[in-house]
Amino acid sequence: MPEETPVTRLEEAVAAKEAAERRADAIRKEGAETFAKAVVRALVEDGMKPKEVAAATDVSYETIRRIARAADVERLREPTVTSRRKANED
């Protein structure tokens, strides 16, 4: 076994920190996926509106909208005249 030195202790600490960050990233990703599934279910199966989901979860409306769009959730209402005009300009 190699002799312990300040450098080897630092290297071990760096490796432990990196391993912990990888575990934290995996946990964060799992949590985000679980949250997204719950949001989609609330919108599709439970008939909640994005605004209601945002209020219930204390997450911004925009975040809820992005989750819904990423999951191909149908719009709950038709686009407004202004948004249709903007879409046609592109």
Protein backbone atom coordinates (compact mmCIF):
# COMPACT_ATOMS: atom_id res chain seq x y z
CA MET A 1 0.00 0.00 0.00
CA PRO A 2 1.45 3.38 -0.95
CA GLU A 3 2.42 5.77 1.77
CA GLU A 4 -0.16 8.39 2.70
CA THR A 5 0.92 11.89 1.86
CA PRO A 6 -0.90 15.19 1.70
CA VAL A 7 -1.13 14.75 -2.09
CA THR A 8 -2.61 11.25 -1.89
CA ARG A 9 -5.16 12.45 0.70
CA LEU A 10 -6.12 15.31 -1.62
CA GLU A 11 -6.42 12.94 -4.58
CA GLU A 12 -8.68 10.65 -2.54
CA ALA A 13 -10.80 13.63 -1.49
CA VAL A 14 -11.15 14.77 -5.10
CA ALA A 15 -12.20 11.27 -6.17
CA ALA A 16 -14.76 11.10 -3.34
CA LYS A 17 -16.12 14.53 -4.26
CA GLU A 18 -16.48 13.57 -7.92
CA ALA A 19 -18.22 10.30 -7.02
CA ALA A 20 -20.65 12.19 -4.76
CA GLU A 21 -21.38 14.69 -7.54
CA ARG A 22 -22.15 11.83 -9.96
CA ARG A 23 -24.54 10.29 -7.43
CA ALA A 24 -26.19 13.68 -6.85
CA ASP A 25 -26.62 14.20 -10.60
CA ALA A 26 -28.24 10.77 -10.93
CA ILE A 27 -30.61 11.51 -8.03
CA ARG A 28 -31.45 14.94 -9.49
CA LYS A 29 -32.18 13.40 -12.90
CA GLU A 30 -34.38 10.71 -11.36
CA GLY A 31 -36.28 13.35 -9.40
CA ALA A 32 -36.78 15.50 -12.48
CA GLU A 33 -38.11 12.53 -14.45
CA THR A 34 -40.52 11.61 -11.64
CA PHE A 35 -41.70 15.21 -11.42
CA ALA A 36 -42.21 15.45 -15.18
CA LYS A 37 -44.28 12.25 -15.20
CA ALA A 38 -46.45 13.60 -12.38
CA VAL A 39 -46.95 16.90 -14.22
CA VAL A 40 -47.96 15.15 -17.45
CA ARG A 41 -50.34 12.89 -15.55
CA ALA A 42 -51.93 15.88 -13.81
CA LEU A 43 -52.41 17.62 -17.16
CA VAL A 44 -53.57 14.65 -19.23
CA GLU A 45 -55.34 12.29 -16.86
CA ASP A 46 -56.52 14.65 -14.15
CA GLY A 47 -57.43 17.50 -16.48
CA MET A 48 -55.55 20.17 -14.54
CA LYS A 49 -54.50 23.35 -16.28
CA PRO A 50 -50.82 24.32 -16.40
CA LYS A 51 -51.55 27.32 -14.20
CA GLU A 52 -53.10 25.04 -11.56
CA VAL A 53 -50.15 22.65 -11.68
CA ALA A 54 -47.74 25.57 -11.34
CA ALA A 55 -49.60 26.89 -8.31
CA ALA A 56 -49.82 23.46 -6.68
CA THR A 57 -46.12 22.70 -7.17
CA ASP A 58 -44.66 26.19 -6.70
CA VAL A 59 -42.91 25.73 -10.05
CA SER A 60 -43.15 28.41 -12.71
CA TYR A 61 -45.85 28.22 -15.37
CA GLU A 62 -43.13 28.33 -18.02
CA THR A 63 -41.44 25.23 -16.58
CA ILE A 64 -44.76 23.36 -16.55
CA ARG A 65 -45.39 24.46 -20.14
CA ARG A 66 -41.96 23.21 -21.23
CA ILE A 67 -42.51 19.85 -19.55
CA ALA A 68 -45.88 19.53 -21.28
CA ARG A 69 -44.45 20.47 -24.65
CA ALA A 70 -41.54 18.02 -24.27
CA ALA A 71 -44.08 15.26 -23.59
CA ASP A 72 -46.18 16.27 -26.60
CA VAL A 73 -49.17 17.16 -24.45
CA GLU A 74 -51.85 18.72 -26.63
CA ARG A 75 -52.62 22.39 -26.11
CA LEU A 76 -55.53 22.97 -23.80
CA ARG A 77 -56.73 25.91 -25.85
CA GLU A 78 -56.34 27.13 -29.39
CA PRO A 79 -53.59 29.68 -30.06
CA THR A 80 -54.66 33.30 -29.93
CA VAL A 81 -54.87 35.42 -33.05
CA THR A 82 -51.59 37.12 -32.15
CA SER A 83 -49.70 33.87 -31.63
CA ARG A 84 -51.08 32.45 -34.90
CA ARG A 85 -49.94 35.58 -36.74
CA LYS A 86 -46.45 35.29 -35.21
CA ALA A 87 -46.25 31.60 -36.16
CA ASN A 88 -47.20 32.42 -39.77
CA GLU A 89 -44.56 35.17 -39.99
CA ASP A 90 -41.73 32.68 -39.39
